[in-house]
Amino acid sequence: MNNSNIVSGYSFGKNINPVGLMFMPSGKLEKFQTVFHQGDLANRLFIVKSGFVKLCELSQSGEEIIHDIKSEGEIFGEWDSLFHPGIHFRYSAITLSDNTEVHAIKFSETSIEQPFNSISGLSNLVLEDLKKLALRHQRLLNKDAAYRIKETLLSLAKKAGQKFGDETLLKIWLSHEDIAKLADTSRQTVTAVMNQLKSKNKITYSRDRILFRSLTDFHN
């Protein structure tokens, strides 16, 4: 095994990721390229080095369900594949930005020197994903659609936006339909809320970017 490929204290952005894992370098992907398809063998995990990746499932009725948007430093894949080889991806992973770079994690080749840190780091990431799912479910039960839309946008801006003074630029291709699926509401409601935010000078936006004037009073 080539020790130069073992990552120790591997991190991107604000996230601290598991040490002792083998990463397989990959080329940069363009917008709307597929990292893996729903139904493919789930024999590895993935980490976003740069750009954005949409995790989406096609239901039996043909409706697209968006599970999450992953950005720099975040890991995705079928966690069960760590313990049950042979399962398949329940969703597809599709890039949402040009020059997206995704690395595959060969979790079958964890570092002998630090196996505990590797598994512990992955366990923490599983818990973080479960917390996000629980929070999304709680918002669906207790918050109205307008709040969920604003909170979805705010969450993306905080984790992946670029700060320019008080303003924050989020460079990501998201349609109103995509935002609606993330916020568990309708496209028409998203359009109405986005227009309202624009009229209040909270944001300006196009198809592939949203400029937030300030994140501190975004909900007001």
C-alpha atoms as a PDB file:
ATOM      1  CA  MET A   1       0.000   0.000   0.000  1.00  0.00           C
ATOM      2  CA  ASN A   2       1.345   3.420  -0.916  1.00  0.00           C
ATOM      3  CA  ASN A   3       1.648   5.310   2.381  1.00  0.00           C
ATOM      4  CA  SER A   4       1.769   8.633   0.540  1.00  0.00           C
ATOM      5  CA  ASN A   5      -1.943   8.198  -0.221  1.00  0.00           C
ATOM      6  CA  ILE A   6      -2.959   7.768   3.415  1.00  0.00           C
ATOM      7  CA  VAL A   7      -4.530  10.940   4.720  1.00  0.00           C
ATOM      8  CA  SER A   8      -3.806  12.005   8.280  1.00  0.00           C
ATOM      9  CA  GLY A   9      -5.924  14.797   9.714  1.00  0.00           C
ATOM     10  CA  TYR A  10      -7.523  15.217   6.270  1.00  0.00           C
ATOM     11  CA  SER A  11      -9.769  18.280   6.204  1.00  0.00           C
ATOM     12  CA  PHE A  12     -11.450  20.715   3.874  1.00  0.00           C
ATOM     13  CA  GLY A  13     -12.946  24.038   4.888  1.00  0.00           C
ATOM     14  CA  LYS A  14     -14.434  23.975   8.383  1.00  0.00           C
ATOM     15  CA  ASN A  15     -14.854  20.186   8.555  1.00  0.00           C
ATOM     16  CA  ILE A  16     -12.460  17.775  10.247  1.00  0.00           C
ATOM     17  CA  ASN A  17     -12.714  14.397   8.551  1.00  0.00           C
ATOM     18  CA  PRO A  18     -11.594  10.909   9.552  1.00  0.00           C
ATOM     19  CA  VAL A  19      -7.872  10.226   9.668  1.00  0.00           C
ATOM     20  CA  GLY A  20      -6.271   7.042   8.425  1.00  0.00           C
ATOM     21  CA  LEU A  21      -8.497   6.560   5.371  1.00  0.00           C
ATOM     22  CA  MET A  22      -7.370   5.793   1.836  1.00  0.00           C
ATOM     23  CA  PHE A  23      -8.542   8.378  -0.707  1.00  0.00           C
ATOM     24  CA  MET A  24      -8.645   7.710  -4.450  1.00  0.00           C
ATOM     25  CA  PRO A  25      -7.965  10.925  -6.410  1.00  0.00           C
ATOM     26  CA  SER A  26     -10.397  11.762  -9.190  1.00  0.00           C
ATOM     27  CA  GLY A  27     -10.557  14.270 -12.017  1.00  0.00           C
ATOM     28  CA  LYS A  28     -12.766  17.337 -11.896  1.00  0.00           C
ATOM     29  CA  LEU A  29     -16.375  16.891 -12.961  1.00  0.00           C
ATOM     30  CA  GLU A  30     -18.533  19.363 -14.837  1.00  0.00           C
ATOM     31  CA  LYS A  31     -22.018  20.461 -13.840  1.00  0.00           C
ATOM     32  CA  PHE A  32     -24.729  17.751 -13.960  1.00  0.00           C
ATOM     33  CA  GLN A  33     -22.307  14.831 -14.173  1.00  0.00           C
ATOM     34  CA  THR A  34     -23.274  11.690 -12.254  1.00  0.00           C
ATOM     35  CA  VAL A  35     -20.935  10.431  -9.544  1.00  0.00           C
ATOM     36  CA  PHE A  36     -22.968   7.225  -9.182  1.00  0.00           C
ATOM     37  CA  HIS A  37     -26.444   6.056 -10.178  1.00  0.00           C
ATOM     38  CA  GLN A  38     -29.255   4.825  -7.984  1.00  0.00           C
ATOM     39  CA  GLY A  39     -28.948   1.036  -7.967  1.00  0.00           C
ATOM     40  CA  ASP A  40     -25.165   0.922  -8.461  1.00  0.00           C
ATOM     41  CA  LEU A  41     -23.143  -1.254  -6.090  1.00  0.00           C
ATOM     42  CA  ALA A  42     -22.339   0.812  -2.988  1.00  0.00           C
ATOM     43  CA  ASN A  43     -18.737  -0.294  -2.550  1.00  0.00           C
ATOM     44  CA  ARG A  44     -17.247   2.996  -1.366  1.00  0.00           C
ATOM     45  CA  LEU A  45     -17.943   6.344   0.265  1.00  0.00           C
ATOM     46  CA  PHE A  46     -17.194   9.753  -1.251  1.00  0.00           C
ATOM     47  CA  ILE A  47     -15.949  13.118  -0.047  1.00  0.00           C
ATOM     48  CA  VAL A  48     -16.442  16.479  -1.774  1.00  0.00           C
ATOM     49  CA  LYS A  49     -13.153  18.316  -2.204  1.00  0.00           C
ATOM     50  CA  SER A  50     -14.718  21.228  -4.113  1.00  0.00           C
ATOM     51  CA  GLY A  51     -18.097  22.118  -5.586  1.00  0.00           C
ATOM     52  CA  PHE A  52     -21.570  20.751  -4.843  1.00  0.00           C
ATOM     53  CA  VAL A  53     -23.238  17.343  -5.194  1.00  0.00           C
ATOM     54  CA  LYS A  54     -26.981  16.670  -5.110  1.00  0.00           C
ATOM     55  CA  LEU A  55     -28.189  13.387  -3.603  1.00  0.00           C
ATOM     56  CA  CYS A  56     -31.496  12.523  -5.232  1.00  0.00           C
ATOM     57  CA  GLU A  57     -33.750   9.481  -5.390  1.00  0.00           C
ATOM     58  CA  LEU A  58     -36.237   8.581  -8.115  1.00  0.00           C
ATOM     59  CA  SER A  59     -39.350   7.165  -6.453  1.00  0.00           C
ATOM     60  CA  GLN A  60     -41.499   4.392  -7.941  1.00  0.00           C
ATOM     61  CA  SER A  61     -43.960   7.048  -9.108  1.00  0.00           C
ATOM     62  CA  GLY A  62     -41.176   8.806 -11.037  1.00  0.00           C
ATOM     63  CA  GLU A  63     -40.890  11.753  -8.642  1.00  0.00           C
ATOM     64  CA  GLU A  64     -37.435  13.044  -7.731  1.00  0.00           C
ATOM     65  CA  ILE A  65     -36.720  13.265  -3.992  1.00  0.00           C
ATOM     66  CA  ILE A  66     -33.730  15.383  -2.944  1.00  0.00           C
ATOM     67  CA  HIS A  67     -32.105  14.067   0.216  1.00  0.00           C
ATOM     68  CA  ASP A  68     -29.314  16.598   0.592  1.00  0.00           C
ATOM     69  CA  ILE A  69     -26.800  18.948  -1.036  1.00  0.00           C
ATOM     70  CA  LYS A  70     -23.215  18.085  -0.134  1.00  0.00           C
ATOM     71  CA  SER A  71     -20.435  20.690  -0.257  1.00  0.00           C
ATOM     72  CA  GLU A  72     -16.713  20.930   0.462  1.00  0.00           C
ATOM     73  CA  GLY A  73     -15.514  18.575   3.191  1.00  0.00           C
ATOM     74  CA  GLU A  74     -18.727  16.544   3.450  1.00  0.00           C
ATOM     75  CA  ILE A  75     -18.925  12.760   3.039  1.00  0.00           C
ATOM     76  CA  PHE A  76     -21.754  10.843   1.392  1.00  0.00           C
ATOM     77  CA  GLY A  77     -22.655   7.296   0.391  1.00  0.00           C
ATOM     78  CA  GLU A  78     -24.423   4.284   1.884  1.00  0.00           C
ATOM     79  CA  TRP A  79     -23.193   4.037   5.466  1.00  0.00           C
ATOM     80  CA  ASP A  80     -24.493   0.470   5.742  1.00  0.00           C
ATOM     81  CA  SER A  81     -21.950  -0.570   3.126  1.00  0.00           C
ATOM     82  CA  LEU A  82     -19.258  -0.227   5.799  1.00  0.00           C
ATOM     83  CA  PHE A  83     -20.703  -3.247   7.562  1.00  0.00           C
ATOM     84  CA  HIS A  84     -22.793  -5.001   4.888  1.00  0.00           C
ATOM     85  CA  PRO A  85     -20.921  -5.294   1.546  1.00  0.00           C
ATOM     86  CA  GLY A  86     -23.051  -5.921  -1.507  1.00  0.00           C
ATOM     87  CA  ILE A  87     -25.813  -3.366  -0.923  1.00  0.00           C
ATOM     88  CA  HIS A  88     -26.706  -0.805  -3.605  1.00  0.00           C
ATOM     89  CA  PHE A  89     -27.117   2.965  -3.631  1.00  0.00           C
ATOM     90  CA  ARG A  90     -30.683   4.066  -2.874  1.00  0.00           C
ATOM     91  CA  TYR A  91     -30.110   7.384  -4.654  1.00  0.00           C
ATOM     92  CA  SER A  92     -27.970   9.046  -7.315  1.00  0.00           C
ATOM     93  CA  ALA A  93     -25.271  11.668  -6.792  1.00  0.00           C
ATOM     94  CA  ILE A  94     -25.145  14.492  -9.366  1.00  0.00           C
ATOM     95  CA  THR A  95     -22.818  17.509  -9.472  1.00  0.00           C
ATOM     96  CA  LEU A  96     -24.363  20.992  -9.318  1.00  0.00           C
ATOM     97  CA  SER A  97     -21.316  23.074 -10.196  1.00  0.00           C
ATOM     98  CA  ASP A  98     -18.498  23.122 -12.713  1.00  0.00           C
ATOM     99  CA  ASN A  99     -15.081  21.852 -11.629  1.00  0.00           C
ATOM    100  CA  THR A 100     -16.546  19.720  -8.855  1.00  0.00           C
ATOM    101  CA  GLU A 101     -13.950  17.379  -7.375  1.00  0.00           C
ATOM    102  CA  VAL A 102     -15.027  14.245  -5.528  1.00  0.00           C
ATOM    103  CA  HIS A 103     -12.698  11.673  -3.971  1.00  0.00           C
ATOM    104  CA  ALA A 104     -13.682   8.059  -3.324  1.00  0.00           C
ATOM    105  CA  ILE A 105     -12.871   6.580   0.074  1.00  0.00           C
ATOM    106  CA  LYS A 106     -11.585   3.019   0.075  1.00  0.00           C
ATOM    107  CA  PHE A 107     -12.806   2.198   3.563  1.00  0.00           C
ATOM    108  CA  SER A 108     -11.619  -1.400   3.115  1.00  0.00           C
ATOM    109  CA  GLU A 109      -8.055  -0.058   3.374  1.00  0.00           C
ATOM    110  CA  THR A 110      -8.093   1.957   6.589  1.00  0.00           C
ATOM    111  CA  SER A 111      -4.779   2.735   8.172  1.00  0.00           C
ATOM    112  CA  ILE A 112      -3.402  -0.013  10.406  1.00  0.00           C
ATOM    113  CA  GLU A 113      -1.798   2.638  12.597  1.00  0.00           C
ATOM    114  CA  GLN A 114      -5.036   4.509  13.351  1.00  0.00           C
ATOM    115  CA  PRO A 115      -8.057   2.263  12.747  1.00  0.00           C
ATOM    116  CA  PHE A 116      -9.961   3.573  15.770  1.00  0.00           C
ATOM    117  CA  ASN A 117      -9.733   7.187  14.623  1.00  0.00           C
ATOM    118  CA  SER A 118     -10.993   6.238  11.168  1.00  0.00           C
ATOM    119  CA  ILE A 119     -14.072   4.384  12.402  1.00  0.00           C
ATOM    120  CA  SER A 120     -14.723   6.943  15.126  1.00  0.00           C
ATOM    121  CA  GLY A 121     -14.593   9.770  12.580  1.00  0.00           C
ATOM    122  CA  LEU A 122     -17.028   7.993  10.295  1.00  0.00           C
ATOM    123  CA  SER A 123     -19.381   7.306  13.217  1.00  0.00           C
ATOM    124  CA  ASN A 124     -19.435  11.017  14.050  1.00  0.00           C
ATOM    125  CA  LEU A 125     -20.352  11.829  10.448  1.00  0.00           C
ATOM    126  CA  VAL A 126     -23.184   9.275  10.536  1.00  0.00           C
ATOM    127  CA  LEU A 127     -24.539  10.968  13.669  1.00  0.00           C
ATOM    128  CA  GLU A 128     -24.310  14.386  11.991  1.00  0.00           C
ATOM    129  CA  ASP A 129     -26.340  13.093   9.031  1.00  0.00           C
ATOM    130  CA  LEU A 130     -28.964  11.637  11.389  1.00  0.00           C
ATOM    131  CA  LYS A 131     -29.199  14.977  13.227  1.00  0.00           C
ATOM    132  CA  LYS A 132     -29.785  16.791   9.929  1.00  0.00           C
ATOM    133  CA  LEU A 133     -32.561  14.356   9.001  1.00  0.00           C
ATOM    134  CA  ALA A 134     -34.193  14.789  12.417  1.00  0.00           C
ATOM    135  CA  LEU A 135     -34.002  18.593  12.137  1.00  0.00           C
ATOM    136  CA  ARG A 136     -35.563  18.523   8.657  1.00  0.00           C
ATOM    137  CA  HIS A 137     -38.401  16.340   9.942  1.00  0.00           C
ATOM    138  CA  GLN A 138     -38.933  18.643  12.919  1.00  0.00           C
ATOM    139  CA  ARG A 139     -39.155  21.689  10.648  1.00  0.00           C
ATOM    140  CA  LEU A 140     -41.677  19.920   8.443  1.00  0.00           C
ATOM    141  CA  LEU A 141     -43.893  19.265  11.464  1.00  0.00           C
ATOM    142  CA  ASN A 142     -43.504  22.581  13.285  1.00  0.00           C
ATOM    143  CA  LYS A 143     -42.603  25.326  10.791  1.00  0.00           C
ATOM    144  CA  ASP A 144     -44.475  26.868   7.875  1.00  0.00           C
ATOM    145  CA  ALA A 145     -43.254  26.636   4.269  1.00  0.00           C
ATOM    146  CA  ALA A 146     -41.813  30.161   4.164  1.00  0.00           C
ATOM    147  CA  TYR A 147     -39.652  29.490   7.225  1.00  0.00           C
ATOM    148  CA  ARG A 148     -38.438  26.158   5.807  1.00  0.00           C
ATOM    149  CA  ILE A 149     -37.444  27.810   2.522  1.00  0.00           C
ATOM    150  CA  LYS A 150     -35.523  30.587   4.293  1.00  0.00           C
ATOM    151  CA  GLU A 151     -33.840  28.116   6.632  1.00  0.00           C
ATOM    152  CA  THR A 152     -32.832  25.884   3.700  1.00  0.00           C
ATOM    153  CA  LEU A 153     -31.226  28.843   1.914  1.00  0.00           C
ATOM    154  CA  LEU A 154     -29.607  30.087   5.112  1.00  0.00           C
ATOM    155  CA  SER A 155     -28.128  26.669   5.870  1.00  0.00           C
ATOM    156  CA  LEU A 156     -26.585  26.409   2.401  1.00  0.00           C
ATOM    157  CA  ALA A 157     -25.186  29.941   2.635  1.00  0.00           C
ATOM    158  CA  LYS A 158     -23.603  29.312   6.036  1.00  0.00           C
ATOM    159  CA  LYS A 159     -21.889  26.090   5.051  1.00  0.00           C
ATOM    160  CA  ALA A 160     -20.888  26.879   1.460  1.00  0.00           C
ATOM    161  CA  GLY A 161     -21.181  30.625   0.835  1.00  0.00           C
ATOM    162  CA  GLN A 162     -18.294  33.033   0.198  1.00  0.00           C
ATOM    163  CA  LYS A 163     -18.155  36.045   2.520  1.00  0.00           C
ATOM    164  CA  PHE A 164     -17.666  39.555   1.074  1.00  0.00           C
ATOM    165  CA  GLY A 165     -18.021  41.897   4.020  1.00  0.00           C
ATOM    166  CA  ASP A 166     -21.611  41.639   5.240  1.00  0.00           C
ATOM    167  CA  GLU A 167     -22.685  39.884   2.030  1.00  0.00           C
ATOM    168  CA  THR A 168     -22.479  36.159   1.261  1.00  0.00           C
ATOM    169  CA  LEU A 169     -22.370  34.682  -2.240  1.00  0.00           C
ATOM    170  CA  LEU A 170     -23.655  31.158  -2.788  1.00  0.00           C
ATOM    171  CA  LYS A 171     -22.537  29.873  -6.206  1.00  0.00           C
ATOM    172  CA  ILE A 172     -24.632  26.795  -6.879  1.00  0.00           C
ATOM    173  CA  TRP A 173     -27.070  25.749  -9.590  1.00  0.00           C
ATOM    174  CA  LEU A 174     -30.433  25.308  -7.860  1.00  0.00           C
ATOM    175  CA  SER A 175     -33.813  25.649  -9.523  1.00  0.00           C
ATOM    176  CA  HIS A 176     -36.881  26.703  -7.563  1.00  0.00           C
ATOM    177  CA  GLU A 177     -38.020  23.096  -7.918  1.00  0.00           C
ATOM    178  CA  ASP A 178     -34.798  21.887  -6.244  1.00  0.00           C
ATOM    179  CA  ILE A 179     -35.222  24.338  -3.352  1.00  0.00           C
ATOM    180  CA  ALA A 180     -38.843  23.247  -2.999  1.00  0.00           C
ATOM    181  CA  LYS A 181     -37.825  19.604  -2.653  1.00  0.00           C
ATOM    182  CA  LEU A 182     -35.185  20.462  -0.063  1.00  0.00           C
ATOM    183  CA  ALA A 183     -37.704  22.539   1.913  1.00  0.00           C
ATOM    184  CA  ASP A 184     -40.566  20.038   1.462  1.00  0.00           C
ATOM    185  CA  THR A 185     -42.902  22.501  -0.225  1.00  0.00           C
ATOM    186  CA  SER A 186     -44.043  23.552  -3.718  1.00  0.00           C
ATOM    187  CA  ARG A 187     -42.169  25.361  -6.492  1.00  0.00           C
ATOM    188  CA  GLN A 188     -44.832  28.089  -6.545  1.00  0.00           C
ATOM    189  CA  THR A 189     -44.278  28.789  -2.847  1.00  0.00           C
ATOM    190  CA  VAL A 190     -40.525  28.985  -3.360  1.00  0.00           C
ATOM    191  CA  THR A 191     -40.978  31.479  -6.201  1.00  0.00           C
ATOM    192  CA  ALA A 192     -43.255  33.646  -4.035  1.00  0.00           C
ATOM    193  CA  VAL A 193     -40.845  33.601  -1.058  1.00  0.00           C
ATOM    194  CA  MET A 194     -37.778  34.261  -3.242  1.00  0.00           C
ATOM    195  CA  ASN A 195     -39.518  37.221  -4.888  1.00  0.00           C
ATOM    196  CA  GLN A 196     -40.477  38.549  -1.466  1.00  0.00           C
ATOM    197  CA  LEU A 197     -36.882  38.236  -0.250  1.00  0.00           C
ATOM    198  CA  LYS A 198     -35.705  40.057  -3.364  1.00  0.00           C
ATOM    199  CA  SER A 199     -38.219  42.876  -2.940  1.00  0.00           C
ATOM    200  CA  LYS A 200     -37.035  43.341   0.664  1.00  0.00           C
ATOM    201  CA  ASN A 201     -33.437  43.493  -0.604  1.00  0.00           C
ATOM    202  CA  LYS A 202     -32.530  40.382   1.382  1.00  0.00           C
ATOM    203  CA  ILE A 203     -31.170  38.617  -1.708  1.00  0.00           C
ATOM    204  CA  THR A 204     -30.504  38.924  -5.416  1.00  0.00           C
ATOM    205  CA  TYR A 205     -30.312  35.760  -7.444  1.00  0.00           C
ATOM    206  CA  SER A 206     -29.943  34.008 -10.763  1.00  0.00           C
ATOM    207  CA  ARG A 207     -30.042  30.341 -11.721  1.00  0.00           C
ATOM    208  CA  ASP A 208     -26.531  29.572 -10.475  1.00  0.00           C
ATOM    209  CA  ARG A 209     -25.969  32.023  -7.619  1.00  0.00           C
ATOM    210  CA  ILE A 210     -27.667  33.757  -4.708  1.00  0.00           C
ATOM    211  CA  LEU A 211     -26.255  36.881  -3.065  1.00  0.00           C
ATOM    212  CA  PHE A 212     -27.358  37.330   0.552  1.00  0.00           C
ATOM    213  CA  ARG A 213     -27.147  40.925   1.756  1.00  0.00           C
ATOM    214  CA  SER A 214     -26.795  39.803   5.378  1.00  0.00           C
ATOM    215  CA  LEU A 215     -27.223  36.452   7.126  1.00  0.00           C
ATOM    216  CA  THR A 216     -27.730  37.905  10.598  1.00  0.00           C
ATOM    217  CA  ASP A 217     -31.241  39.296   9.998  1.00  0.00           C
ATOM    218  CA  PHE A 218     -32.264  37.043   7.126  1.00  0.00           C
ATOM    219  CA  HIS A 219     -35.432  35.768   8.839  1.00  0.00           C
ATOM    220  CA  ASN A 220     -36.640  39.263   9.819  1.00  0.00           C
END
